[in-house]
Amino acid sequence: GCGWGDYQRPAAVGDMNSDGVGDVMAISDNIYEQKCLWRWWGNG
């Protein structure tokens, strides 16, 4: 997928929700908005 230019460099963070699959996190990179932490669950 695309659109990842809106985030600071993402990180592979391991299994954050105990489903046995690696997940991804990143910090939003919009200078006009509050910096928020985002997550994407791996679907296996």
PDB file of all heavy atoms in Angstrom:
ATOM      1  N   GLY A   1       0.822  -1.196   0.000  1.00  0.00           N
ATOM      2  CA  GLY A   1       0.000   0.000   0.000  1.00  0.00           C
ATOM      3  C   GLY A   1       0.856   1.245   0.000  1.00  0.00           C
ATOM      4  O   GLY A   1       2.064   1.191   0.267  1.00  0.00           O
ATOM      5  N   CYS A   2       0.243   2.386  -0.298  1.00  0.00           N
ATOM      6  CA  CYS A   2       0.969   3.654  -0.370  1.00  0.00           C
ATOM      7  C   CYS A   2       0.440   4.618   0.698  1.00  0.00           C
ATOM      8  O   CYS A   2      -0.392   4.258   1.517  1.00  0.00           O
ATOM      9  CB  CYS A   2       0.835   4.249  -1.771  1.00  0.00           C
ATOM     10  SG  CYS A   2       1.499   3.170  -3.077  1.00  0.00           S
ATOM     11  N   GLY A   3       0.963   5.859   0.665  1.00  0.00           N
ATOM     12  CA  GLY A   3       0.547   6.856   1.646  1.00  0.00           C
ATOM     13  C   GLY A   3       1.392   6.895   2.895  1.00  0.00           C
ATOM     14  O   GLY A   3       1.054   7.592   3.866  1.00  0.00           O
ATOM     15  N   TRP A   4       2.512   6.167   2.909  1.00  0.00           N
ATOM     16  CA  TRP A   4       3.350   6.100   4.098  1.00  0.00           C
ATOM     17  C   TRP A   4       4.274   7.306   4.237  1.00  0.00           C
ATOM     18  O   TRP A   4       5.015   7.396   5.217  1.00  0.00           O
ATOM     19  CB  TRP A   4       4.153   4.801   4.093  1.00  0.00           C
ATOM     20  CG  TRP A   4       3.282   3.616   4.325  1.00  0.00           C
ATOM     21  CD1 TRP A   4       2.519   2.957   3.400  1.00  0.00           C
ATOM     22  CD2 TRP A   4       3.025   2.963   5.567  1.00  0.00           C
ATOM     23  NE1 TRP A   4       1.819   1.932   3.979  1.00  0.00           N
ATOM     24  CE2 TRP A   4       2.112   1.908   5.311  1.00  0.00           C
ATOM     25  CE3 TRP A   4       3.487   3.156   6.868  1.00  0.00           C
ATOM     26  CZ2 TRP A   4       1.655   1.058   6.303  1.00  0.00           C
ATOM     27  CZ3 TRP A   4       3.036   2.303   7.864  1.00  0.00           C
ATOM     28  CH2 TRP A   4       2.123   1.274   7.584  1.00  0.00           C
ATOM     29  N   GLY A   5       4.232   8.234   3.294  1.00  0.00           N
ATOM     30  CA  GLY A   5       4.993   9.461   3.430  1.00  0.00           C
ATOM     31  C   GLY A   5       4.450  10.384   4.504  1.00  0.00           C
ATOM     32  O   GLY A   5       5.097  11.362   4.884  1.00  0.00           O
ATOM     33  N   ASP A   6       3.266  10.079   5.020  1.00  0.00           N
ATOM     34  CA  ASP A   6       2.644  10.893   6.066  1.00  0.00           C
ATOM     35  C   ASP A   6       3.096  10.489   7.466  1.00  0.00           C
ATOM     36  O   ASP A   6       2.605  11.032   8.454  1.00  0.00           O
ATOM     37  CB  ASP A   6       1.120  10.771   5.990  1.00  0.00           C
ATOM     38  CG  ASP A   6       0.551  11.342   4.697  1.00  0.00           C
ATOM     39  OD1 ASP A   6       1.181  12.259   4.141  1.00  0.00           O
ATOM     40  OD2 ASP A   6      -0.501  10.850   4.256  1.00  0.00           O
ATOM     41  N   TYR A   7       4.032   9.530   7.548  1.00  0.00           N
ATOM     42  CA  TYR A   7       4.469   9.032   8.845  1.00  0.00           C
ATOM     43  C   TYR A   7       5.984   9.079   8.948  1.00  0.00           C
ATOM     44  O   TYR A   7       6.699   8.885   7.963  1.00  0.00           O
ATOM     45  CB  TYR A   7       3.995   7.590   9.058  1.00  0.00           C
ATOM     46  CG  TYR A   7       2.504   7.434   8.962  1.00  0.00           C
ATOM     47  CD1 TYR A   7       1.904   7.088   7.760  1.00  0.00           C
ATOM     48  CD2 TYR A   7       1.694   7.672  10.067  1.00  0.00           C
ATOM     49  CE1 TYR A   7       0.524   6.961   7.656  1.00  0.00           C
ATOM     50  CE2 TYR A   7       0.318   7.548   9.977  1.00  0.00           C
ATOM     51  CZ  TYR A   7      -0.261   7.192   8.773  1.00  0.00           C
ATOM     52  OH  TYR A   7      -1.623   7.079   8.682  1.00  0.00           O
ATOM     53  N   GLN A   8       6.468   9.353  10.168  1.00  0.00           N
ATOM     54  CA  GLN A   8       7.883   9.172  10.425  1.00  0.00           C
ATOM     55  C   GLN A   8       8.209   7.698  10.271  1.00  0.00           C
ATOM     56  O   GLN A   8       7.343   6.838  10.397  1.00  0.00           O
ATOM     57  CB  GLN A   8       8.241   9.655  11.836  1.00  0.00           C
ATOM     58  CG  GLN A   8       8.120  11.159  12.025  1.00  0.00           C
ATOM     59  CD  GLN A   8       8.494  11.586  13.426  1.00  0.00           C
ATOM     60  OE1 GLN A   8       9.246  10.899  14.107  1.00  0.00           O
ATOM     61  NE2 GLN A   8       7.964  12.719  13.861  1.00  0.00           N
ATOM     62  N   ARG A   9       9.474   7.412  10.031  1.00  0.00           N
ATOM     63  CA  ARG A   9       9.893   6.062   9.681  1.00  0.00           C
ATOM     64  C   ARG A   9       9.240   5.015  10.578  1.00  0.00           C
ATOM     65  O   ARG A   9       9.476   4.971  11.785  1.00  0.00           O
ATOM     66  CB  ARG A   9      11.413   5.965   9.788  1.00  0.00           C
ATOM     67  CG  ARG A   9      11.973   4.641   9.321  1.00  0.00           C
ATOM     68  CD  ARG A   9      13.479   4.704   9.332  1.00  0.00           C
ATOM     69  NE  ARG A   9      14.055   3.412   8.986  1.00  0.00           N
ATOM     70  CZ  ARG A   9      15.350   3.210   8.890  1.00  0.00           C
ATOM     71  NH1 ARG A   9      16.181   4.203   9.110  1.00  0.00           N
ATOM     72  NH2 ARG A   9      15.812   2.029   8.586  1.00  0.00           N
ATOM     73  N   PRO A  10       8.436   4.121  10.004  1.00  0.00           N
ATOM     74  CA  PRO A  10       7.755   3.098  10.796  1.00  0.00           C
ATOM     75  C   PRO A  10       8.738   2.091  11.391  1.00  0.00           C
ATOM     76  O   PRO A  10       9.905   2.018  11.007  1.00  0.00           O
ATOM     77  CB  PRO A  10       6.827   2.434   9.777  1.00  0.00           C
ATOM     78  CG  PRO A  10       6.706   3.412   8.659  1.00  0.00           C
ATOM     79  CD  PRO A  10       8.028   4.111   8.601  1.00  0.00           C
ATOM     80  N   ALA A  11       8.230   1.296  12.322  1.00  0.00           N
ATOM     81  CA  ALA A  11       9.053   0.276  12.966  1.00  0.00           C
ATOM     82  C   ALA A  11       8.289  -1.039  13.014  1.00  0.00           C
ATOM     83  O   ALA A  11       7.085  -1.063  13.266  1.00  0.00           O
ATOM     84  CB  ALA A  11       9.429   0.702  14.384  1.00  0.00           C
ATOM     85  N   ALA A  12       9.001  -2.140  12.737  1.00  0.00           N
ATOM     86  CA  ALA A  12       8.456  -3.472  12.967  1.00  0.00           C
ATOM     87  C   ALA A  12       8.532  -3.737  14.465  1.00  0.00           C
ATOM     88  O   ALA A  12       9.617  -3.760  15.038  1.00  0.00           O
ATOM     89  CB  ALA A  12       9.268  -4.503  12.181  1.00  0.00           C
ATOM     90  N   VAL A  13       7.387  -3.906  15.109  1.00  0.00           N
ATOM     91  CA  VAL A  13       7.366  -3.870  16.576  1.00  0.00           C
ATOM     92  C   VAL A  13       7.039  -5.203  17.234  1.00  0.00           C
ATOM     93  O   VAL A  13       6.908  -5.274  18.450  1.00  0.00           O
ATOM     94  CB  VAL A  13       6.369  -2.802  17.087  1.00  0.00           C
ATOM     95  CG1 VAL A  13       6.859  -1.429  16.737  1.00  0.00           C
ATOM     96  CG2 VAL A  13       4.973  -3.050  16.539  1.00  0.00           C
ATOM     97  N   GLY A  14       6.904  -6.270  16.459  1.00  0.00           N
ATOM     98  CA  GLY A  14       6.594  -7.550  17.077  1.00  0.00           C
ATOM     99  C   GLY A  14       5.101  -7.744  17.236  1.00  0.00           C
ATOM    100  O   GLY A  14       4.288  -6.997  16.703  1.00  0.00           O
ATOM    101  N   ASP A  15       4.742  -8.761  17.969  1.00  0.00           N
ATOM    102  CA  ASP A  15       3.345  -9.140  18.160  1.00  0.00           C
ATOM    103  C   ASP A  15       2.763  -8.337  19.316  1.00  0.00           C
ATOM    104  O   ASP A  15       2.886  -8.712  20.475  1.00  0.00           O
ATOM    105  CB  ASP A  15       3.256 -10.636  18.437  1.00  0.00           C
ATOM    106  CG  ASP A  15       1.833 -11.113  18.629  1.00  0.00           C
ATOM    107  OD1 ASP A  15       0.907 -10.346  18.294  1.00  0.00           O
ATOM    108  OD2 ASP A  15       1.650 -12.235  19.120  1.00  0.00           O
ATOM    109  N   MET A  16       2.093  -7.229  18.997  1.00  0.00           N
ATOM    110  CA  MET A  16       1.575  -6.334  20.025  1.00  0.00           C
ATOM    111  C   MET A  16       0.214  -6.773  20.575  1.00  0.00           C
ATOM    112  O   MET A  16      -0.190  -6.326  21.645  1.00  0.00           O
ATOM    113  CB  MET A  16       1.444  -4.909  19.471  1.00  0.00           C
ATOM    114  CG  MET A  16       2.744  -4.304  18.955  1.00  0.00           C
ATOM    115  SD  MET A  16       4.062  -4.230  20.182  1.00  0.00           S
ATOM    116  CE  MET A  16       3.268  -3.326  21.490  1.00  0.00           C
ATOM    117  N   ASN A  17      -0.501  -7.625  19.839  1.00  0.00           N
ATOM    118  CA  ASN A  17      -1.853  -7.988  20.279  1.00  0.00           C
ATOM    119  C   ASN A  17      -2.011  -9.488  20.490  1.00  0.00           C
ATOM    120  O   ASN A  17      -3.133 -10.007  20.516  1.00  0.00           O
ATOM    121  CB  ASN A  17      -2.898  -7.487  19.281  1.00  0.00           C
ATOM    122  CG  ASN A  17      -2.685  -8.051  17.885  1.00  0.00           C
ATOM    123  OD1 ASN A  17      -1.610  -8.558  17.575  1.00  0.00           O
ATOM    124  ND2 ASN A  17      -3.702  -7.964  17.042  1.00  0.00           N
ATOM    125  N   SER A  18      -0.903 -10.201  20.646  1.00  0.00           N
ATOM    126  CA  SER A  18      -0.904 -11.616  21.035  1.00  0.00           C
ATOM    127  C   SER A  18      -1.639 -12.513  20.057  1.00  0.00           C
ATOM    128  O   SER A  18      -2.269 -13.514  20.458  1.00  0.00           O
ATOM    129  CB  SER A  18      -1.512 -11.774  22.442  1.00  0.00           C
ATOM    130  OG  SER A  18      -0.832 -10.987  23.387  1.00  0.00           O
ATOM    131  N   ASP A  19      -1.536 -12.210  18.748  1.00  0.00           N
ATOM    132  CA  ASP A  19      -2.145 -13.081  17.749  1.00  0.00           C
ATOM    133  C   ASP A  19      -1.105 -13.871  16.971  1.00  0.00           C
ATOM    134  O   ASP A  19      -1.431 -14.583  16.022  1.00  0.00           O
ATOM    135  CB  ASP A  19      -3.028 -12.288  16.787  1.00  0.00           C
ATOM    136  CG  ASP A  19      -2.233 -11.312  15.927  1.00  0.00           C
ATOM    137  OD1 ASP A  19      -1.015 -11.138  16.166  1.00  0.00           O
ATOM    138  OD2 ASP A  19      -2.829 -10.702  15.014  1.00  0.00           O
ATOM    139  N   GLY A  20       0.178 -13.753  17.360  1.00  0.00           N
ATOM    140  CA  GLY A  20       1.231 -14.525  16.728  1.00  0.00           C
ATOM    141  C   GLY A  20       1.774 -13.951  15.446  1.00  0.00           C
ATOM    142  O   GLY A  20       2.492 -14.642  14.722  1.00  0.00           O
ATOM    143  N   VAL A  21       1.461 -12.679  15.148  1.00  0.00           N
ATOM    144  CA  VAL A  21       1.910 -12.046  13.905  1.00  0.00           C
ATOM    145  C   VAL A  21       2.572 -10.709  14.236  1.00  0.00           C
ATOM    146  O   VAL A  21       2.122  -9.979  15.128  1.00  0.00           O
ATOM    147  CB  VAL A  21       0.722 -11.806  12.939  1.00  0.00           C
ATOM    148  CG1 VAL A  21       1.222 -11.212  11.617  1.00  0.00           C
ATOM    149  CG2 VAL A  21      -0.028 -13.092  12.693  1.00  0.00           C
ATOM    150  N   GLY A  22       3.619 -10.363  13.497  1.00  0.00           N
ATOM    151  CA  GLY A  22       4.276  -9.080  13.683  1.00  0.00           C
ATOM    152  C   GLY A  22       3.396  -7.920  13.273  1.00  0.00           C
ATOM    153  O   GLY A  22       2.599  -8.022  12.333  1.00  0.00           O
ATOM    154  N   ASP A  23       3.523  -6.794  13.964  1.00  0.00           N
ATOM    155  CA  ASP A  23       2.748  -5.584  13.711  1.00  0.00           C
ATOM    156  C   ASP A  23       3.688  -4.424  13.395  1.00  0.00           C
ATOM    157  O   ASP A  23       4.905  -4.539  13.532  1.00  0.00           O
ATOM    158  CB  ASP A  23       1.876  -5.253  14.925  1.00  0.00           C
ATOM    159  CG  ASP A  23       1.000  -6.432  15.346  1.00  0.00           C
ATOM    160  OD1 ASP A  23       0.363  -7.027  14.460  1.00  0.00           O
ATOM    161  OD2 ASP A  23       0.984  -6.764  16.541  1.00  0.00           O
ATOM    162  N   VAL A  24       3.118  -3.296  12.987  1.00  0.00           N
ATOM    163  CA  VAL A  24       3.903  -2.130  12.595  1.00  0.00           C
ATOM    164  C   VAL A  24       3.360  -0.897  13.313  1.00  0.00           C
ATOM    165  O   VAL A  24       2.141  -0.765  13.503  1.00  0.00           O
ATOM    166  CB  VAL A  24       3.842  -1.910  11.066  1.00  0.00           C
ATOM    167  CG1 VAL A  24       4.513  -0.598  10.658  1.00  0.00           C
ATOM    168  CG2 VAL A  24       4.500  -3.073  10.337  1.00  0.00           C
ATOM    169  N   MET A  25       4.276   0.014  13.708  1.00  0.00           N
ATOM    170  CA  MET A  25       3.889   1.280  14.314  1.00  0.00           C
ATOM    171  C   MET A  25       4.682   2.422  13.697  1.00  0.00           C
ATOM    172  O   MET A  25       5.788   2.220  13.178  1.00  0.00           O
ATOM    173  CB  MET A  25       4.092   1.254  15.828  1.00  0.00           C
ATOM    174  CG  MET A  25       3.079   0.416  16.554  1.00  0.00           C
ATOM    175  SD  MET A  25       3.149   0.608  18.350  1.00  0.00           S
ATOM    176  CE  MET A  25       1.650  -0.245  18.806  1.00  0.00           C
ATOM    177  N   ALA A  26       4.099   3.620  13.736  1.00  0.00           N
ATOM    178  CA  ALA A  26       4.762   4.805  13.211  1.00  0.00           C
ATOM    179  C   ALA A  26       4.164   6.042  13.869  1.00  0.00           C
ATOM    180  O   ALA A  26       3.070   5.989  14.443  1.00  0.00           O
ATOM    181  CB  ALA A  26       4.598   4.888  11.695  1.00  0.00           C
ATOM    182  N   ILE A  27       4.887   7.160  13.785  1.00  0.00           N
ATOM    183  CA  ILE A  27       4.417   8.445  14.306  1.00  0.00           C
ATOM    184  C   ILE A  27       4.001   9.324  13.137  1.00  0.00           C
ATOM    185  O   ILE A  27       4.739   9.445  12.151  1.00  0.00           O
ATOM    186  CB  ILE A  27       5.512   9.146  15.129  1.00  0.00           C
ATOM    187  CG1 ILE A  27       5.914   8.271  16.319  1.00  0.00           C
ATOM    188  CG2 ILE A  27       5.043  10.520  15.618  1.00  0.00           C
ATOM    189  CD1 ILE A  27       7.099   8.801  17.097  1.00  0.00           C
ATOM    190  N   SER A  28       2.810   9.923  13.209  1.00  0.00           N
ATOM    191  CA  SER A  28       2.334  10.789  12.135  1.00  0.00           C
ATOM    192  C   SER A  28       3.285  11.959  11.943  1.00  0.00           C
ATOM    193  O   SER A  28       3.874  12.477  12.896  1.00  0.00           O
ATOM    194  CB  SER A  28       0.923  11.288  12.441  1.00  0.00           C
ATOM    195  OG  SER A  28       0.873  11.926  13.699  1.00  0.00           O
ATOM    196  N   ASP A  29       3.438  12.401  10.681  1.00  0.00           N
ATOM    197  CA  ASP A  29       4.477  13.371  10.339  1.00  0.00           C
ATOM    198  C   ASP A  29       3.891  14.626   9.703  1.00  0.00           C
ATOM    199  O   ASP A  29       4.516  15.246   8.839  1.00  0.00           O
ATOM    200  CB  ASP A  29       5.494  12.721   9.390  1.00  0.00           C
ATOM    201  CG  ASP A  29       6.789  13.500   9.319  1.00  0.00           C
ATOM    202  OD1 ASP A  29       7.097  14.213  10.282  1.00  0.00           O
ATOM    203  OD2 ASP A  29       7.480  13.402   8.290  1.00  0.00           O
ATOM    204  N   ASN A  30       2.698  15.025  10.100  1.00  0.00           N
ATOM    205  CA  ASN A  30       2.078  16.254   9.598  1.00  0.00           C
ATOM    206  C   ASN A  30       2.453  17.406  10.523  1.00  0.00           C
ATOM    207  O   ASN A  30       2.117  17.399  11.704  1.00  0.00           O
ATOM    208  CB  ASN A  30       0.554  16.101   9.541  1.00  0.00           C
ATOM    209  CG  ASN A  30      -0.124  17.239   8.799  1.00  0.00           C
ATOM    210  OD1 ASN A  30       0.320  18.383   8.870  1.00  0.00           O
ATOM    211  ND2 ASN A  30      -1.178  16.924   8.084  1.00  0.00           N
ATOM    212  N   ILE A  31       3.168  18.409   9.989  1.00  0.00           N
ATOM    213  CA  ILE A  31       3.667  19.505  10.829  1.00  0.00           C
ATOM    214  C   ILE A  31       2.540  20.385  11.352  1.00  0.00           C
ATOM    215  O   ILE A  31       2.744  21.187  12.265  1.00  0.00           O
ATOM    216  CB  ILE A  31       4.681  20.371  10.066  1.00  0.00           C
ATOM    217  CG1 ILE A  31       4.011  21.011   8.832  1.00  0.00           C
ATOM    218  CG2 ILE A  31       5.885  19.553   9.653  1.00  0.00           C
ATOM    219  CD1 ILE A  31       4.916  21.988   8.102  1.00  0.00           C
ATOM    220  N   TYR A  32       1.360  20.256  10.786  1.00  0.00           N
ATOM    221  CA  TYR A  32       0.230  21.090  11.203  1.00  0.00           C
ATOM    222  C   TYR A  32      -0.666  20.387  12.223  1.00  0.00           C
ATOM    223  O   TYR A  32      -1.658  20.956  12.676  1.00  0.00           O
ATOM    224  CB  TYR A  32      -0.608  21.498   9.982  1.00  0.00           C
ATOM    225  CG  TYR A  32       0.191  22.223   8.941  1.00  0.00           C
ATOM    226  CD1 TYR A  32       0.557  21.590   7.762  1.00  0.00           C
ATOM    227  CD2 TYR A  32       0.606  23.544   9.141  1.00  0.00           C
ATOM    228  CE1 TYR A  32       1.297  22.257   6.787  1.00  0.00           C
ATOM    229  CE2 TYR A  32       1.357  24.209   8.178  1.00  0.00           C
ATOM    230  CZ  TYR A  32       1.694  23.557   7.015  1.00  0.00           C
ATOM    231  OH  TYR A  32       2.430  24.217   6.064  1.00  0.00           O
ATOM    232  N   GLU A  33      -0.350  19.153  12.549  1.00  0.00           N
ATOM    233  CA  GLU A  33      -1.192  18.395  13.468  1.00  0.00           C
ATOM    234  C   GLU A  33      -0.363  17.826  14.611  1.00  0.00           C
ATOM    235  O   GLU A  33       0.861  17.770  14.555  1.00  0.00           O
ATOM    236  CB  GLU A  33      -1.892  17.249  12.717  1.00  0.00           C
ATOM    237  CG  GLU A  33      -2.832  17.710  11.624  1.00  0.00           C
ATOM    238  CD  GLU A  33      -3.465  16.546  10.885  1.00  0.00           C
ATOM    239  OE1 GLU A  33      -3.150  15.387  11.234  1.00  0.00           O
ATOM    240  OE2 GLU A  33      -4.253  16.793   9.968  1.00  0.00           O
ATOM    241  N   GLN A  34      -1.047  17.393  15.654  1.00  0.00           N
ATOM    242  CA  GLN A  34      -0.388  16.760  16.784  1.00  0.00           C
ATOM    243  C   GLN A  34       0.232  15.440  16.347  1.00  0.00           C
ATOM    244  O   GLN A  34      -0.330  14.710  15.525  1.00  0.00           O
ATOM    245  CB  GLN A  34      -1.416  16.517  17.900  1.00  0.00           C
ATOM    246  CG  GLN A  34      -0.824  16.070  19.225  1.00  0.00           C
ATOM    247  CD  GLN A  34      -1.877  15.918  20.299  1.00  0.00           C
ATOM    248  OE1 GLN A  34      -3.061  15.855  20.013  1.00  0.00           O
ATOM    249  NE2 GLN A  34      -1.451  15.860  21.544  1.00  0.00           N
ATOM    250  N   LYS A  35       1.418  15.142  16.875  1.00  0.00           N
ATOM    251  CA  LYS A  35       2.096  13.896  16.538  1.00  0.00           C
ATOM    252  C   LYS A  35       1.440  12.748  17.292  1.00  0.00           C
ATOM    253  O   LYS A  35       1.450  12.716  18.531  1.00  0.00           O
ATOM    254  CB  LYS A  35       3.573  13.972  16.909  1.00  0.00           C
ATOM    255  CG  LYS A  35       4.325  15.113  16.254  1.00  0.00           C
ATOM    256  CD  LYS A  35       4.590  14.850  14.792  1.00  0.00           C
ATOM    257  CE  LYS A  35       5.498  15.927  14.215  1.00  0.00           C
ATOM    258  NZ  LYS A  35       5.786  15.727  12.780  1.00  0.00           N
ATOM    259  N   CYS A  36       0.896  11.800  16.540  1.00  0.00           N
ATOM    260  CA  CYS A  36       0.213  10.665  17.143  1.00  0.00           C
ATOM    261  C   CYS A  36       0.893   9.355  16.753  1.00  0.00           C
ATOM    262  O   CYS A  36       1.467   9.239  15.670  1.00  0.00           O
ATOM    263  CB  CYS A  36      -1.253  10.621  16.708  1.00  0.00           C
ATOM    264  SG  CYS A  36      -2.221  12.057  17.249  1.00  0.00           S
ATOM    265  N   LEU A  37       0.825   8.380  17.647  1.00  0.00           N
ATOM    266  CA  LEU A  37       1.356   7.049  17.389  1.00  0.00           C
ATOM    267  C   LEU A  37       0.260   6.201  16.755  1.00  0.00           C
ATOM    268  O   LEU A  37      -0.845   6.106  17.273  1.00  0.00           O
ATOM    269  CB  LEU A  37       1.818   6.403  18.700  1.00  0.00           C
ATOM    270  CG  LEU A  37       2.443   5.011  18.595  1.00  0.00           C
ATOM    271  CD1 LEU A  37       3.781   5.083  17.860  1.00  0.00           C
ATOM    272  CD2 LEU A  37       2.630   4.400  19.981  1.00  0.00           C
ATOM    273  N   TRP A  38       0.602   5.585  15.622  1.00  0.00           N
ATOM    274  CA  TRP A  38      -0.327   4.740  14.889  1.00  0.00           C
ATOM    275  C   TRP A  38       0.155   3.296  14.912  1.00  0.00           C
ATOM    276  O   TRP A  38       1.340   3.037  15.058  1.00  0.00           O
ATOM    277  CB  TRP A  38      -0.435   5.196  13.432  1.00  0.00           C
ATOM    278  CG  TRP A  38      -1.177   6.490  13.246  1.00  0.00           C
ATOM    279  CD1 TRP A  38      -0.773   7.742  13.624  1.00  0.00           C
ATOM    280  CD2 TRP A  38      -2.443   6.648  12.627  1.00  0.00           C
ATOM    281  NE1 TRP A  38      -1.721   8.673  13.279  1.00  0.00           N
ATOM    282  CE2 TRP A  38      -2.764   8.033  12.654  1.00  0.00           C
ATOM    283  CE3 TRP A  38      -3.347   5.769  12.026  1.00  0.00           C
ATOM    284  CZ2 TRP A  38      -3.939   8.540  12.118  1.00  0.00           C
ATOM    285  CZ3 TRP A  38      -4.526   6.275  11.485  1.00  0.00           C
ATOM    286  CH2 TRP A  38      -4.817   7.645  11.542  1.00  0.00           C
ATOM    287  N   ARG A  39      -0.785   2.366  14.741  1.00  0.00           N
ATOM    288  CA  ARG A  39      -0.412   0.964  14.633  1.00  0.00           C
ATOM    289  C   ARG A  39      -1.236   0.281  13.545  1.00  0.00           C
ATOM    290  O   ARG A  39      -2.357   0.668  13.235  1.00  0.00           O
ATOM    291  CB  ARG A  39      -0.584   0.244  15.963  1.00  0.00           C
ATOM    292  CG  ARG A  39      -2.004   0.275  16.516  1.00  0.00           C
ATOM    293  CD  ARG A  39      -2.723  -1.042  16.265  1.00  0.00           C
ATOM    294  NE  ARG A  39      -4.047  -1.036  16.885  1.00  0.00           N
ATOM    295  CZ  ARG A  39      -5.186  -1.186  16.216  1.00  0.00           C
ATOM    296  NH1 ARG A  39      -5.178  -1.307  14.901  1.00  0.00           N
ATOM    297  NH2 ARG A  39      -6.340  -1.207  16.847  1.00  0.00           N
ATOM    298  N   TRP A  40      -0.594  -0.754  12.958  1.00  0.00           N
ATOM    299  CA  TRP A  40      -1.208  -1.595  11.939  1.00  0.00           C
ATOM    300  C   TRP A  40      -0.986  -3.043  12.345  1.00  0.00           C
ATOM    301  O   TRP A  40       0.163  -3.480  12.494  1.00  0.00           O
ATOM    302  CB  TRP A  40      -0.581  -1.351  10.557  1.00  0.00           C
ATOM    303  CG  TRP A  40      -0.822   0.015   9.999  1.00  0.00           C
ATOM    304  CD1 TRP A  40      -1.756   0.390   9.070  1.00  0.00           C
ATOM    305  CD2 TRP A  40      -0.108   1.213  10.324  1.00  0.00           C
ATOM    306  NE1 TRP A  40      -1.670   1.727   8.805  1.00  0.00           N
ATOM    307  CE2 TRP A  40      -0.668   2.266   9.555  1.00  0.00           C
ATOM    308  CE3 TRP A  40       0.959   1.515  11.187  1.00  0.00           C
ATOM    309  CZ2 TRP A  40      -0.203   3.567   9.626  1.00  0.00           C
ATOM    310  CZ3 TRP A  40       1.415   2.817  11.269  1.00  0.00           C
ATOM    311  CH2 TRP A  40       0.839   3.829  10.492  1.00  0.00           C
ATOM    312  N   TRP A  41      -2.065  -3.811  12.529  1.00  0.00           N
ATOM    313  CA  TRP A  41      -1.919  -5.217  12.879  1.00  0.00           C
ATOM    314  C   TRP A  41      -1.510  -6.021  11.656  1.00  0.00           C
ATOM    315  O   TRP A  41      -2.038  -5.839  10.553  1.00  0.00           O
ATOM    316  CB  TRP A  41      -3.230  -5.810  13.400  1.00  0.00           C
ATOM    317  CG  TRP A  41      -3.853  -5.224  14.625  1.00  0.00           C
ATOM    318  CD1 TRP A  41      -5.189  -5.037  14.825  1.00  0.00           C
ATOM    319  CD2 TRP A  41      -3.213  -4.796  15.830  1.00  0.00           C
ATOM    320  NE1 TRP A  41      -5.414  -4.514  16.074  1.00  0.00           N
ATOM    321  CE2 TRP A  41      -4.220  -4.353  16.711  1.00  0.00           C
ATOM    322  CE3 TRP A  41      -1.888  -4.731  16.238  1.00  0.00           C
ATOM    323  CZ2 TRP A  41      -3.940  -3.861  17.982  1.00  0.00           C
ATOM    324  CZ3 TRP A  41      -1.605  -4.235  17.504  1.00  0.00           C
ATOM    325  CH2 TRP A  41      -2.618  -3.814  18.355  1.00  0.00           C
ATOM    326  N   GLY A  42      -0.578  -6.970  11.821  1.00  0.00           N
ATOM    327  CA  GLY A  42      -0.289  -7.924  10.765  1.00  0.00           C
ATOM    328  C   GLY A  42      -1.447  -8.892  10.628  1.00  0.00           C
ATOM    329  O   GLY A  42      -2.072  -9.284  11.619  1.00  0.00           O
ATOM    330  N   ASN A  43      -1.748  -9.276   9.380  1.00  0.00           N
ATOM    331  CA  ASN A  43      -2.910 -10.149   9.167  1.00  0.00           C
ATOM    332  C   ASN A  43      -2.527 -11.630   9.061  1.00  0.00           C
ATOM    333  O   ASN A  43      -3.395 -12.475   8.829  1.00  0.00           O
ATOM    334  CB  ASN A  43      -3.690  -9.720   7.925  1.00  0.00           C
ATOM    335  CG  ASN A  43      -2.871  -9.787   6.639  1.00  0.00           C
ATOM    336  OD1 ASN A  43      -1.830 -10.446   6.580  1.00  0.00           O
ATOM    337  ND2 ASN A  43      -3.337  -9.105   5.600  1.00  0.00           N
ATOM    338  N   GLY A  44      -1.233 -11.946   9.211  1.00  0.00           N
ATOM    339  CA  GLY A  44      -0.801 -13.330   9.178  1.00  0.00           C
ATOM    340  C   GLY A  44      -0.589 -13.887   7.793  1.00  0.00           C
ATOM    341  O   GLY A  44      -0.121 -15.010   7.633  1.00  0.00           O
TER     342      GLY A  44
END
